[in-house]
Amino acid sequence: MAMTSCSLINDDSDCVDSANVISFSYDKNLKFADAFDHEVKSVTLLAFDSNGTLAYAGRAKRDQLGDDGRSMTVRLAPGEYDMLVWAGDYDSDFNIPAPAVGSSRLTDFTCLLNMQPAHPDSPDAPATNGHSNAHLENLYHALVHLKLPYASPSNPARHNINLTKNTNNIRVMLQQQDAENDLSENDFIFEITDNNAHLCHDNSRHPESDKTNVTYHPWAVTSGITDYNKPEISSKADAEAKLNFLIAEFTTGRLFADSNPMLTVTRRSDGKTLFSFPLVDYALKIRGKDLEKMDNQEFLDRQDEYSMTFILDKNLRWISVEININGWTLKEIRQSLS
């Protein structure tokens, strides 16, 4: 094959190992626009031969990814390969095995969230469970099958791999009107429970995931106060009021359409659950008319920002919720918790 290809090359000095350029993109988002340059900091590319054995491993930061900042030149014998990508500066947050060319197998490259032991707020949690309150680095994945032809370095064959983003930012706001005391992060326990801590090489949940739940806690909780006016009150003094708020910010792993992650907020004063809220169920309900025909999993993979506001009465009881996803808003009134 090499001799046949070399006979077609005018410059004999170009008759060397085959060269294929693999470029990367990230347009699997709800803007349908390539955000690779803005978001992805590094790429790990692994190529497996027809026997499922690792034939190539490369990792590069953005400033090392070719002249265009998004490509790697791969020198492999012509043939068919499974290309696995785990991208992002994930080392501190996720455990992905180190590659060994010639011995590692495709199925070896699972991704496990670096969890801590069960959180002190949940002392009765099973020992197999863990928690994360980390501001997780963005994590991306791709698995594609490519046929690599012979190509000379002066005229390489070019291929593109599009990434899926796994990490999600979830912002939860508690609002309280006309309360005597300010809201404090010490008033509540914020938790998101899921079984997405361990992923297979193909980005599916690992078979053992159902045995190990992860509880996500906020990486930041911010409190504040803002003034507002009551238009129905004529007296200026009485019309001026304050609005207390508390914002909890989470980062979670990949959300799955067939799972049931729950957002739970508990009052510390009496240990009573303020609300327990199904994230995926509500996210899919308000995806918007223009996206209602999109596959559920595709929508969850494209959407990575969720904003939810819960209104509390003066006794810290939930009375309503407002959820904003992709410009659509769901408002729901709830009975106060007794």
C-alpha atoms as a PDB file:
ATOM      1  CA  MET A   1       0.000   0.000   0.000  1.00  0.00           C
ATOM      2  CA  ALA A   2       2.794   2.413   0.936  1.00  0.00           C
ATOM      3  CA  MET A   3       4.767   1.659  -2.235  1.00  0.00           C
ATOM      4  CA  THR A   4       1.690   2.125  -4.390  1.00  0.00           C
ATOM      5  CA  SER A   5       0.942   5.436  -2.720  1.00  0.00           C
ATOM      6  CA  CYS A   6       4.546   6.603  -2.856  1.00  0.00           C
ATOM      7  CA  SER A   7       4.644   5.984  -6.601  1.00  0.00           C
ATOM      8  CA  LEU A   8       2.024   8.698  -6.928  1.00  0.00           C
ATOM      9  CA  ILE A   9       4.096  11.268  -5.045  1.00  0.00           C
ATOM     10  CA  ASN A  10       6.449  13.483  -7.038  1.00  0.00           C
ATOM     11  CA  ASP A  11       8.742  14.312  -4.122  1.00  0.00           C
ATOM     12  CA  ASP A  12      10.330  11.104  -2.834  1.00  0.00           C
ATOM     13  CA  SER A  13      11.105  12.794   0.487  1.00  0.00           C
ATOM     14  CA  ASP A  14       7.370  12.811   1.119  1.00  0.00           C
ATOM     15  CA  CYS A  15       7.221   9.019   0.986  1.00  0.00           C
ATOM     16  CA  VAL A  16       6.883   8.460   4.726  1.00  0.00           C
ATOM     17  CA  ASP A  17       4.290   7.205   7.183  1.00  0.00           C
ATOM     18  CA  SER A  18       0.681   7.982   6.391  1.00  0.00           C
ATOM     19  CA  ALA A  19      -0.673  11.206   7.928  1.00  0.00           C
ATOM     20  CA  ASN A  20      -4.310  11.873   8.834  1.00  0.00           C
ATOM     21  CA  VAL A  21      -5.421  15.106  10.458  1.00  0.00           C
ATOM     22  CA  ILE A  22      -8.188  14.763  13.061  1.00  0.00           C
ATOM     23  CA  SER A  23      -9.951  18.008  13.897  1.00  0.00           C
ATOM     24  CA  PHE A  24     -12.441  18.577  16.710  1.00  0.00           C
ATOM     25  CA  SER A  25     -15.632  20.584  17.023  1.00  0.00           C
ATOM     26  CA  TYR A  26     -18.356  21.169  19.596  1.00  0.00           C
ATOM     27  CA  ASP A  27     -21.644  22.285  18.074  1.00  0.00           C
ATOM     28  CA  LYS A  28     -23.853  19.817  19.945  1.00  0.00           C
ATOM     29  CA  ASN A  29     -25.488  22.637  21.900  1.00  0.00           C
ATOM     30  CA  LEU A  30     -28.760  24.536  21.650  1.00  0.00           C
ATOM     31  CA  LYS A  31     -27.181  27.353  19.676  1.00  0.00           C
ATOM     32  CA  PHE A  32     -26.111  24.811  17.044  1.00  0.00           C
ATOM     33  CA  ALA A  33     -22.846  26.755  16.795  1.00  0.00           C
ATOM     34  CA  ASP A  34     -19.283  25.494  17.173  1.00  0.00           C
ATOM     35  CA  ALA A  35     -18.060  26.510  20.649  1.00  0.00           C
ATOM     36  CA  PHE A  36     -14.893  24.391  20.654  1.00  0.00           C
ATOM     37  CA  ASP A  37     -12.508  27.357  20.617  1.00  0.00           C
ATOM     38  CA  HIS A  38     -14.349  29.027  23.478  1.00  0.00           C
ATOM     39  CA  GLU A  39     -14.867  26.039  25.766  1.00  0.00           C
ATOM     40  CA  VAL A  40     -12.549  23.072  25.219  1.00  0.00           C
ATOM     41  CA  LYS A  41      -9.142  23.402  26.914  1.00  0.00           C
ATOM     42  CA  SER A  42      -7.494  20.094  25.993  1.00  0.00           C
ATOM     43  CA  VAL A  43      -8.121  16.865  24.076  1.00  0.00           C
ATOM     44  CA  THR A  44      -7.168  13.227  24.647  1.00  0.00           C
ATOM     45  CA  LEU A  45      -7.462  11.145  21.459  1.00  0.00           C
ATOM     46  CA  LEU A  46      -7.230   7.348  21.543  1.00  0.00           C
ATOM     47  CA  ALA A  47      -7.319   5.133  18.417  1.00  0.00           C
ATOM     48  CA  PHE A  48      -8.120   1.418  18.611  1.00  0.00           C
ATOM     49  CA  ASP A  49      -7.519  -1.154  15.884  1.00  0.00           C
ATOM     50  CA  SER A  50      -9.978  -3.760  14.657  1.00  0.00           C
ATOM     51  CA  ASN A  51      -9.081  -5.978  17.623  1.00  0.00           C
ATOM     52  CA  GLY A  52      -9.981  -3.245  20.109  1.00  0.00           C
ATOM     53  CA  THR A  53      -6.327  -2.687  21.113  1.00  0.00           C
ATOM     54  CA  LEU A  54      -4.925   0.802  21.592  1.00  0.00           C
ATOM     55  CA  ALA A  55      -2.820   1.758  18.565  1.00  0.00           C
ATOM     56  CA  TYR A  56      -2.390   5.490  19.190  1.00  0.00           C
ATOM     57  CA  ALA A  57      -2.685   7.862  22.156  1.00  0.00           C
ATOM     58  CA  GLY A  58      -2.283  11.607  22.064  1.00  0.00           C
ATOM     59  CA  ARG A  59      -3.105  14.435  24.427  1.00  0.00           C
ATOM     60  CA  ALA A  60      -2.698  18.124  23.777  1.00  0.00           C
ATOM     61  CA  LYS A  61      -3.648  21.467  25.260  1.00  0.00           C
ATOM     62  CA  ARG A  62      -5.423  24.002  23.079  1.00  0.00           C
ATOM     63  CA  ASP A  63      -2.194  25.812  22.191  1.00  0.00           C
ATOM     64  CA  GLN A  64      -0.699  22.497  21.042  1.00  0.00           C
ATOM     65  CA  LEU A  65      -3.575  21.525  18.741  1.00  0.00           C
ATOM     66  CA  GLY A  66      -2.168  22.329  15.316  1.00  0.00           C
ATOM     67  CA  ASP A  67      -2.024  25.739  13.668  1.00  0.00           C
ATOM     68  CA  ASP A  68      -5.819  25.990  13.848  1.00  0.00           C
ATOM     69  CA  GLY A  69      -5.930  25.211  17.572  1.00  0.00           C
ATOM     70  CA  ARG A  70      -8.245  22.226  17.086  1.00  0.00           C
ATOM     71  CA  SER A  71      -6.459  19.358  15.301  1.00  0.00           C
ATOM     72  CA  MET A  72      -4.013  16.482  15.758  1.00  0.00           C
ATOM     73  CA  THR A  73      -1.940  14.749  13.086  1.00  0.00           C
ATOM     74  CA  VAL A  74      -2.186  10.995  13.554  1.00  0.00           C
ATOM     75  CA  ARG A  75       0.374   8.657  11.956  1.00  0.00           C
ATOM     76  CA  LEU A  76      -1.242   5.230  11.671  1.00  0.00           C
ATOM     77  CA  ALA A  77      -1.225   2.507   9.052  1.00  0.00           C
ATOM     78  CA  PRO A  78      -4.212   2.772   6.712  1.00  0.00           C
ATOM     79  CA  GLY A  79      -7.219   0.949   8.099  1.00  0.00           C
ATOM     80  CA  GLU A  80     -10.342   1.255  10.226  1.00  0.00           C
ATOM     81  CA  TYR A  81     -10.159   2.543  13.775  1.00  0.00           C
ATOM     82  CA  ASP A  82     -12.438   3.357  16.692  1.00  0.00           C
ATOM     83  CA  MET A  83     -11.570   6.859  17.856  1.00  0.00           C
ATOM     84  CA  LEU A  84     -12.323   7.688  21.493  1.00  0.00           C
ATOM     85  CA  VAL A  85     -12.080  11.239  22.809  1.00  0.00           C
ATOM     86  CA  TRP A  86     -12.216  12.448  26.400  1.00  0.00           C
ATOM     87  CA  ALA A  87     -11.666  16.215  26.342  1.00  0.00           C
ATOM     88  CA  GLY A  88     -11.208  18.928  28.934  1.00  0.00           C
ATOM     89  CA  ASP A  89      -8.825  19.515  31.843  1.00  0.00           C
ATOM     90  CA  TYR A  90     -10.499  16.702  33.738  1.00  0.00           C
ATOM     91  CA  ASP A  91      -7.654  15.205  35.812  1.00  0.00           C
ATOM     92  CA  SER A  92      -8.619  16.743  39.145  1.00  0.00           C
ATOM     93  CA  ASP A  93     -12.309  15.876  38.786  1.00  0.00           C
ATOM     94  CA  PHE A  94     -12.525  12.596  36.835  1.00  0.00           C
ATOM     95  CA  ASN A  95     -10.498   9.397  36.812  1.00  0.00           C
ATOM     96  CA  ILE A  96      -9.766   8.098  33.297  1.00  0.00           C
ATOM     97  CA  PRO A  97      -7.115   5.329  33.011  1.00  0.00           C
ATOM     98  CA  ALA A  98      -3.693   6.152  31.598  1.00  0.00           C
ATOM     99  CA  PRO A  99      -3.231   4.707  28.072  1.00  0.00           C
ATOM    100  CA  ALA A 100      -0.749   1.969  27.196  1.00  0.00           C
ATOM    101  CA  VAL A 101      -0.305   1.578  23.431  1.00  0.00           C
ATOM    102  CA  GLY A 102      -0.321  -2.070  22.414  1.00  0.00           C
ATOM    103  CA  SER A 103      -2.092  -3.353  25.517  1.00  0.00           C
ATOM    104  CA  SER A 104      -4.955  -1.065  26.614  1.00  0.00           C
ATOM    105  CA  ARG A 105      -8.424  -2.028  25.397  1.00  0.00           C
ATOM    106  CA  LEU A 106     -11.236   0.250  24.295  1.00  0.00           C
ATOM    107  CA  THR A 107     -13.473  -0.853  27.170  1.00  0.00           C
ATOM    108  CA  ASP A 108     -10.769   0.083  29.708  1.00  0.00           C
ATOM    109  CA  PHE A 109     -11.383   3.790  29.272  1.00  0.00           C
ATOM    110  CA  THR A 110     -14.247   4.411  31.621  1.00  0.00           C
ATOM    111  CA  CYS A 111     -14.700   7.748  33.380  1.00  0.00           C
ATOM    112  CA  LEU A 112     -15.255   7.882  37.134  1.00  0.00           C
ATOM    113  CA  LEU A 113     -16.114  11.041  39.045  1.00  0.00           C
ATOM    114  CA  ASN A 114     -13.665  11.704  41.869  1.00  0.00           C
ATOM    115  CA  MET A 115     -16.047  11.524  44.813  1.00  0.00           C
ATOM    116  CA  GLN A 116     -15.546  12.086  48.509  1.00  0.00           C
ATOM    117  CA  PRO A 117     -16.997   9.804  51.205  1.00  0.00           C
ATOM    118  CA  ALA A 118     -20.620  10.248  52.209  1.00  0.00           C
ATOM    119  CA  HIS A 119     -21.316  13.820  53.254  1.00  0.00           C
ATOM    120  CA  PRO A 120     -21.635  14.657  56.993  1.00  0.00           C
ATOM    121  CA  ASP A 121     -25.131  16.015  56.278  1.00  0.00           C
ATOM    122  CA  SER A 122     -26.125  12.481  55.211  1.00  0.00           C
ATOM    123  CA  PRO A 123     -24.518  10.238  57.864  1.00  0.00           C
ATOM    124  CA  ASP A 124     -26.877   7.351  57.111  1.00  0.00           C
ATOM    125  CA  ALA A 125     -25.935   7.144  53.418  1.00  0.00           C
ATOM    126  CA  PRO A 126     -24.678   3.712  52.274  1.00  0.00           C
ATOM    127  CA  ALA A 127     -20.904   3.312  52.267  1.00  0.00           C
ATOM    128  CA  THR A 128     -20.883   2.858  48.497  1.00  0.00           C
ATOM    129  CA  ASN A 129     -22.232   6.366  48.010  1.00  0.00           C
ATOM    130  CA  GLY A 130     -20.141   9.486  47.683  1.00  0.00           C
ATOM    131  CA  HIS A 131     -20.540  13.205  47.196  1.00  0.00           C
ATOM    132  CA  SER A 132     -19.034  16.006  45.161  1.00  0.00           C
ATOM    133  CA  ASN A 133     -19.071  19.719  45.869  1.00  0.00           C
ATOM    134  CA  ALA A 134     -16.487  20.523  43.204  1.00  0.00           C
ATOM    135  CA  HIS A 135     -16.801  23.156  40.502  1.00  0.00           C
ATOM    136  CA  LEU A 136     -16.186  20.485  37.880  1.00  0.00           C
ATOM    137  CA  GLU A 137     -14.132  21.282  34.806  1.00  0.00           C
ATOM    138  CA  ASN A 138     -16.017  20.863  31.542  1.00  0.00           C
ATOM    139  CA  LEU A 139     -15.865  17.270  30.285  1.00  0.00           C
ATOM    140  CA  TYR A 140     -16.497  16.206  26.672  1.00  0.00           C
ATOM    141  CA  HIS A 141     -16.767  12.834  24.940  1.00  0.00           C
ATOM    142  CA  ALA A 142     -16.873  11.307  21.476  1.00  0.00           C
ATOM    143  CA  LEU A 143     -16.627   7.789  20.035  1.00  0.00           C
ATOM    144  CA  VAL A 144     -16.568   7.406  16.244  1.00  0.00           C
ATOM    145  CA  HIS A 145     -15.465   4.802  13.716  1.00  0.00           C
ATOM    146  CA  LEU A 146     -13.124   6.178  11.046  1.00  0.00           C
ATOM    147  CA  LYS A 147     -11.523   4.710   7.960  1.00  0.00           C
ATOM    148  CA  LEU A 148      -8.059   6.192   7.593  1.00  0.00           C
ATOM    149  CA  PRO A 149      -6.599   6.128   4.069  1.00  0.00           C
ATOM    150  CA  TYR A 150      -2.964   6.492   3.108  1.00  0.00           C
ATOM    151  CA  ALA A 151      -2.146  10.192   2.920  1.00  0.00           C
ATOM    152  CA  SER A 152       1.194  11.986   2.616  1.00  0.00           C
ATOM    153  CA  PRO A 153       2.198  14.673   5.141  1.00  0.00           C
ATOM    154  CA  SER A 154       2.116  17.289   2.389  1.00  0.00           C
ATOM    155  CA  ASN A 155      -1.479  16.415   1.561  1.00  0.00           C
ATOM    156  CA  PRO A 156      -2.998  14.724   4.626  1.00  0.00           C
ATOM    157  CA  ALA A 157      -6.503  13.287   4.784  1.00  0.00           C
ATOM    158  CA  ARG A 158      -8.771  15.296   7.074  1.00  0.00           C
ATOM    159  CA  HIS A 159     -11.510  14.097   9.414  1.00  0.00           C
ATOM    160  CA  ASN A 160     -13.688  15.812  12.023  1.00  0.00           C
ATOM    161  CA  ILE A 161     -14.938  14.529  15.374  1.00  0.00           C
ATOM    162  CA  ASN A 162     -17.815  16.361  17.061  1.00  0.00           C
ATOM    163  CA  LEU A 163     -17.953  16.319  20.861  1.00  0.00           C
ATOM    164  CA  THR A 164     -20.734  15.870  23.410  1.00  0.00           C
ATOM    165  CA  LYS A 165     -20.574  17.898  26.611  1.00  0.00           C
ATOM    166  CA  ASN A 166     -21.142  15.893  29.778  1.00  0.00           C
ATOM    167  CA  THR A 167     -21.041  18.491  32.539  1.00  0.00           C
ATOM    168  CA  ASN A 168     -23.990  20.689  33.531  1.00  0.00           C
ATOM    169  CA  ASN A 169     -24.289  23.918  35.499  1.00  0.00           C
ATOM    170  CA  ILE A 170     -27.360  24.088  37.710  1.00  0.00           C
ATOM    171  CA  ARG A 171     -28.306  27.295  39.525  1.00  0.00           C
ATOM    172  CA  VAL A 172     -30.916  27.191  42.294  1.00  0.00           C
ATOM    173  CA  MET A 173     -32.288  30.406  43.785  1.00  0.00           C
ATOM    174  CA  LEU A 174     -34.433  30.668  46.910  1.00  0.00           C
ATOM    175  CA  GLN A 175     -36.387  33.927  47.253  1.00  0.00           C
ATOM    176  CA  GLN A 176     -38.216  35.197  50.313  1.00  0.00           C
ATOM    177  CA  GLN A 177     -40.254  38.370  50.599  1.00  0.00           C
ATOM    178  CA  ASP A 178     -40.925  40.532  53.657  1.00  0.00           C
ATOM    179  CA  ALA A 179     -39.066  38.287  56.090  1.00  0.00           C
ATOM    180  CA  GLU A 180     -37.690  39.627  59.349  1.00  0.00           C
ATOM    181  CA  ASN A 181     -34.418  37.696  59.051  1.00  0.00           C
ATOM    182  CA  ASP A 182     -32.045  37.304  56.119  1.00  0.00           C
ATOM    183  CA  LEU A 183     -31.631  33.978  54.363  1.00  0.00           C
ATOM    184  CA  SER A 184     -28.437  32.141  55.262  1.00  0.00           C
ATOM    185  CA  GLU A 185     -26.698  29.183  53.654  1.00  0.00           C
ATOM    186  CA  ASN A 186     -26.781  27.609  57.111  1.00  0.00           C
ATOM    187  CA  ASP A 187     -30.593  27.471  56.920  1.00  0.00           C
ATOM    188  CA  PHE A 188     -30.650  24.758  54.236  1.00  0.00           C
ATOM    189  CA  ILE A 189     -29.034  21.626  52.862  1.00  0.00           C
ATOM    190  CA  PHE A 190     -28.896  21.604  49.044  1.00  0.00           C
ATOM    191  CA  GLU A 191     -28.454  18.230  47.312  1.00  0.00           C
ATOM    192  CA  ILE A 192     -28.748  16.659  43.865  1.00  0.00           C
ATOM    193  CA  THR A 193     -28.696  12.859  43.867  1.00  0.00           C
ATOM    194  CA  ASP A 194     -28.003  10.827  40.729  1.00  0.00           C
ATOM    195  CA  ASN A 195     -26.342   7.621  39.525  1.00  0.00           C
ATOM    196  CA  ASN A 196     -24.149   9.179  36.826  1.00  0.00           C
ATOM    197  CA  ALA A 197     -20.758   9.069  38.575  1.00  0.00           C
ATOM    198  CA  HIS A 198     -19.338   6.205  36.481  1.00  0.00           C
ATOM    199  CA  LEU A 199     -19.477   6.168  32.666  1.00  0.00           C
ATOM    200  CA  CYS A 200     -18.446   3.546  30.134  1.00  0.00           C
ATOM    201  CA  HIS A 201     -16.162   4.210  27.161  1.00  0.00           C
ATOM    202  CA  ASP A 202     -19.253   4.859  25.017  1.00  0.00           C
ATOM    203  CA  ASN A 203     -20.575   7.510  27.452  1.00  0.00           C
ATOM    204  CA  SER A 204     -23.345   5.286  28.783  1.00  0.00           C
ATOM    205  CA  ARG A 205     -23.811   4.652  32.495  1.00  0.00           C
ATOM    206  CA  HIS A 206     -21.545   1.944  33.803  1.00  0.00           C
ATOM    207  CA  PRO A 207     -23.370  -1.303  34.776  1.00  0.00           C
ATOM    208  CA  GLU A 208     -22.337  -0.714  38.393  1.00  0.00           C
ATOM    209  CA  SER A 209     -23.732   2.820  38.485  1.00  0.00           C
ATOM    210  CA  ASP A 210     -27.009   1.685  40.021  1.00  0.00           C
ATOM    211  CA  LYS A 211     -25.039   0.470  43.029  1.00  0.00           C
ATOM    212  CA  THR A 212     -23.293   3.791  43.594  1.00  0.00           C
ATOM    213  CA  ASN A 213     -25.232   7.016  43.898  1.00  0.00           C
ATOM    214  CA  VAL A 214     -23.524  10.380  43.970  1.00  0.00           C
ATOM    215  CA  THR A 215     -24.820  13.358  45.909  1.00  0.00           C
ATOM    216  CA  TYR A 216     -23.828  16.691  44.427  1.00  0.00           C
ATOM    217  CA  HIS A 217     -23.571  19.639  46.775  1.00  0.00           C
ATOM    218  CA  PRO A 218     -23.133  23.283  45.735  1.00  0.00           C
ATOM    219  CA  TRP A 219     -19.638  24.575  45.058  1.00  0.00           C
ATOM    220  CA  ALA A 220     -20.878  28.053  45.932  1.00  0.00           C
ATOM    221  CA  VAL A 221     -23.788  29.457  47.952  1.00  0.00           C
ATOM    222  CA  THR A 222     -24.364  33.216  47.809  1.00  0.00           C
ATOM    223  CA  SER A 223     -26.834  35.254  49.866  1.00  0.00           C
ATOM    224  CA  GLY A 224     -28.112  38.753  49.284  1.00  0.00           C
ATOM    225  CA  ILE A 225     -30.864  41.320  49.683  1.00  0.00           C
ATOM    226  CA  THR A 226     -32.483  43.605  47.151  1.00  0.00           C
ATOM    227  CA  ASP A 227     -35.163  46.254  47.533  1.00  0.00           C
ATOM    228  CA  TYR A 228     -38.414  46.248  45.587  1.00  0.00           C
ATOM    229  CA  ASN A 229     -41.650  48.236  45.549  1.00  0.00           C
ATOM    230  CA  LYS A 230     -45.184  47.006  46.101  1.00  0.00           C
ATOM    231  CA  PRO A 231     -47.228  48.808  43.431  1.00  0.00           C
ATOM    232  CA  GLU A 232     -50.520  48.095  45.195  1.00  0.00           C
ATOM    233  CA  ILE A 233     -49.447  50.049  48.299  1.00  0.00           C
ATOM    234  CA  SER A 234     -49.944  53.817  48.119  1.00  0.00           C
ATOM    235  CA  SER A 235     -47.817  54.764  51.114  1.00  0.00           C
ATOM    236  CA  LYS A 236     -44.192  55.090  50.050  1.00  0.00           C
ATOM    237  CA  ALA A 237     -42.932  53.872  53.414  1.00  0.00           C
ATOM    238  CA  ASP A 238     -45.118  50.775  53.320  1.00  0.00           C
ATOM    239  CA  ALA A 239     -44.447  50.138  49.640  1.00  0.00           C
ATOM    240  CA  GLU A 240     -40.717  49.776  50.121  1.00  0.00           C
ATOM    241  CA  ALA A 241     -39.783  46.196  50.940  1.00  0.00           C
ATOM    242  CA  LYS A 242     -36.888  43.839  50.679  1.00  0.00           C
ATOM    243  CA  LEU A 243     -36.377  40.551  48.894  1.00  0.00           C
ATOM    244  CA  ASN A 244     -33.990  38.017  50.416  1.00  0.00           C
ATOM    245  CA  PHE A 245     -32.324  35.515  48.138  1.00  0.00           C
ATOM    246  CA  LEU A 246     -29.938  32.594  48.321  1.00  0.00           C
ATOM    247  CA  ILE A 247     -28.213  31.138  45.240  1.00  0.00           C
ATOM    248  CA  ALA A 248     -26.709  27.628  45.186  1.00  0.00           C
ATOM    249  CA  GLU A 249     -24.530  26.664  42.220  1.00  0.00           C
ATOM    250  CA  PHE A 250     -23.864  23.039  41.258  1.00  0.00           C
ATOM    251  CA  THR A 251     -21.902  21.236  38.567  1.00  0.00           C
ATOM    252  CA  THR A 252     -23.068  17.705  37.748  1.00  0.00           C
ATOM    253  CA  GLY A 253     -22.125  14.957  35.336  1.00  0.00           C
ATOM    254  CA  ARG A 254     -24.083  13.867  32.276  1.00  0.00           C
ATOM    255  CA  LEU A 255     -27.884  13.802  32.678  1.00  0.00           C
ATOM    256  CA  PHE A 256     -29.676  10.754  31.275  1.00  0.00           C
ATOM    257  CA  ALA A 257     -33.228  10.704  29.955  1.00  0.00           C
ATOM    258  CA  ASP A 258     -33.932   7.339  31.598  1.00  0.00           C
ATOM    259  CA  SER A 259     -32.680   8.336  35.065  1.00  0.00           C
ATOM    260  CA  ASN A 260     -34.297  10.265  37.882  1.00  0.00           C
ATOM    261  CA  PRO A 261     -31.915  12.788  39.464  1.00  0.00           C
ATOM    262  CA  MET A 262     -33.538  14.669  42.324  1.00  0.00           C
ATOM    263  CA  LEU A 263     -32.892  18.161  43.625  1.00  0.00           C
ATOM    264  CA  THR A 264     -33.686  18.257  47.337  1.00  0.00           C
ATOM    265  CA  VAL A 265     -33.596  21.199  49.734  1.00  0.00           C
ATOM    266  CA  THR A 266     -33.935  20.506  53.447  1.00  0.00           C
ATOM    267  CA  ARG A 267     -34.506  22.906  56.320  1.00  0.00           C
ATOM    268  CA  ARG A 268     -31.734  22.516  58.851  1.00  0.00           C
ATOM    269  CA  SER A 269     -33.852  23.792  61.735  1.00  0.00           C
ATOM    270  CA  ASP A 270     -36.120  20.739  61.812  1.00  0.00           C
ATOM    271  CA  GLY A 271     -34.654  18.396  59.159  1.00  0.00           C
ATOM    272  CA  LYS A 272     -37.841  18.625  57.099  1.00  0.00           C
ATOM    273  CA  THR A 273     -37.641  18.367  53.308  1.00  0.00           C
ATOM    274  CA  LEU A 274     -38.651  21.688  51.785  1.00  0.00           C
ATOM    275  CA  PHE A 275     -38.995  20.108  48.351  1.00  0.00           C
ATOM    276  CA  SER A 276     -37.665  17.207  46.292  1.00  0.00           C
ATOM    277  CA  PHE A 277     -37.671  18.015  42.634  1.00  0.00           C
ATOM    278  CA  PRO A 278     -37.167  15.741  39.530  1.00  0.00           C
ATOM    279  CA  LEU A 279     -34.622  17.563  37.360  1.00  0.00           C
ATOM    280  CA  VAL A 280     -34.912  15.591  34.115  1.00  0.00           C
ATOM    281  CA  ASP A 281     -38.698  15.402  34.226  1.00  0.00           C
ATOM    282  CA  TYR A 282     -39.095  19.182  34.420  1.00  0.00           C
ATOM    283  CA  ALA A 283     -36.272  19.915  31.974  1.00  0.00           C
ATOM    284  CA  LEU A 284     -37.969  17.817  29.308  1.00  0.00           C
ATOM    285  CA  LYS A 285     -41.377  19.373  30.001  1.00  0.00           C
ATOM    286  CA  ILE A 286     -40.273  22.872  29.112  1.00  0.00           C
ATOM    287  CA  ARG A 287     -37.826  22.350  26.267  1.00  0.00           C
ATOM    288  CA  GLY A 288     -39.993  24.585  24.051  1.00  0.00           C
ATOM    289  CA  LYS A 289     -42.145  24.012  20.982  1.00  0.00           C
ATOM    290  CA  ASP A 290     -39.282  24.401  18.552  1.00  0.00           C
ATOM    291  CA  LEU A 291     -37.414  21.527  20.221  1.00  0.00           C
ATOM    292  CA  GLU A 292     -40.262  19.235  21.246  1.00  0.00           C
ATOM    293  CA  LYS A 293     -39.502  16.750  18.447  1.00  0.00           C
ATOM    294  CA  MET A 294     -35.866  16.468  19.467  1.00  0.00           C
ATOM    295  CA  ASP A 295     -34.861  13.176  21.059  1.00  0.00           C
ATOM    296  CA  ASN A 296     -34.883  13.434  24.872  1.00  0.00           C
ATOM    297  CA  GLN A 297     -31.252  12.428  25.303  1.00  0.00           C
ATOM    298  CA  GLU A 298     -30.084  14.759  22.567  1.00  0.00           C
ATOM    299  CA  PHE A 299     -31.848  17.668  24.268  1.00  0.00           C
ATOM    300  CA  LEU A 300     -30.222  16.878  27.612  1.00  0.00           C
ATOM    301  CA  ASP A 301     -26.817  16.624  25.933  1.00  0.00           C
ATOM    302  CA  ARG A 302     -27.258  19.944  24.142  1.00  0.00           C
ATOM    303  CA  GLN A 303     -28.567  21.844  27.174  1.00  0.00           C
ATOM    304  CA  ASP A 304     -25.979  22.476  29.895  1.00  0.00           C
ATOM    305  CA  GLU A 305     -27.403  25.431  31.862  1.00  0.00           C
ATOM    306  CA  TYR A 306     -30.410  25.181  34.194  1.00  0.00           C
ATOM    307  CA  SER A 307     -31.817  28.013  36.330  1.00  0.00           C
ATOM    308  CA  MET A 308     -34.515  27.422  38.954  1.00  0.00           C
ATOM    309  CA  THR A 309     -36.125  29.877  41.367  1.00  0.00           C
ATOM    310  CA  PHE A 310     -38.164  28.756  44.384  1.00  0.00           C
ATOM    311  CA  ILE A 311     -40.325  31.233  46.305  1.00  0.00           C
ATOM    312  CA  LEU A 312     -40.552  30.820  50.078  1.00  0.00           C
ATOM    313  CA  ASP A 313     -42.942  32.340  52.549  1.00  0.00           C
ATOM    314  CA  LYS A 314     -41.793  34.065  55.741  1.00  0.00           C
ATOM    315  CA  ASN A 315     -41.656  30.709  57.550  1.00  0.00           C
ATOM    316  CA  LEU A 316     -39.241  29.210  54.972  1.00  0.00           C
ATOM    317  CA  ARG A 317     -41.948  27.157  53.282  1.00  0.00           C
ATOM    318  CA  TRP A 318     -42.026  26.595  49.524  1.00  0.00           C
ATOM    319  CA  ILE A 319     -45.004  28.254  47.825  1.00  0.00           C
ATOM    320  CA  SER A 320     -44.023  28.432  44.132  1.00  0.00           C
ATOM    321  CA  VAL A 321     -41.323  27.585  41.611  1.00  0.00           C
ATOM    322  CA  GLU A 322     -40.084  29.182  38.392  1.00  0.00           C
ATOM    323  CA  ILE A 323     -37.759  27.249  36.084  1.00  0.00           C
ATOM    324  CA  ASN A 324     -35.929  28.826  33.168  1.00  0.00           C
ATOM    325  CA  ILE A 325     -34.418  26.569  30.522  1.00  0.00           C
ATOM    326  CA  ASN A 326     -33.504  27.677  27.013  1.00  0.00           C
ATOM    327  CA  GLY A 327     -35.641  30.819  27.279  1.00  0.00           C
ATOM    328  CA  TRP A 328     -38.769  28.902  28.327  1.00  0.00           C
ATOM    329  CA  THR A 329     -40.244  29.375  31.783  1.00  0.00           C
ATOM    330  CA  LEU A 330     -42.360  27.034  33.856  1.00  0.00           C
ATOM    331  CA  LYS A 331     -44.227  28.519  36.814  1.00  0.00           C
ATOM    332  CA  GLU A 332     -45.931  26.315  39.342  1.00  0.00           C
ATOM    333  CA  ILE A 333     -47.699  27.117  42.601  1.00  0.00           C
ATOM    334  CA  ARG A 334     -47.308  24.755  45.533  1.00  0.00           C
ATOM    335  CA  GLN A 335     -49.031  24.365  48.874  1.00  0.00           C
ATOM    336  CA  SER A 336     -47.000  25.647  51.804  1.00  0.00           C
ATOM    337  CA  LEU A 337     -45.218  22.997  53.816  1.00  0.00           C
ATOM    338  CA  SER A 338     -46.738  22.696  57.250  1.00  0.00           C
END
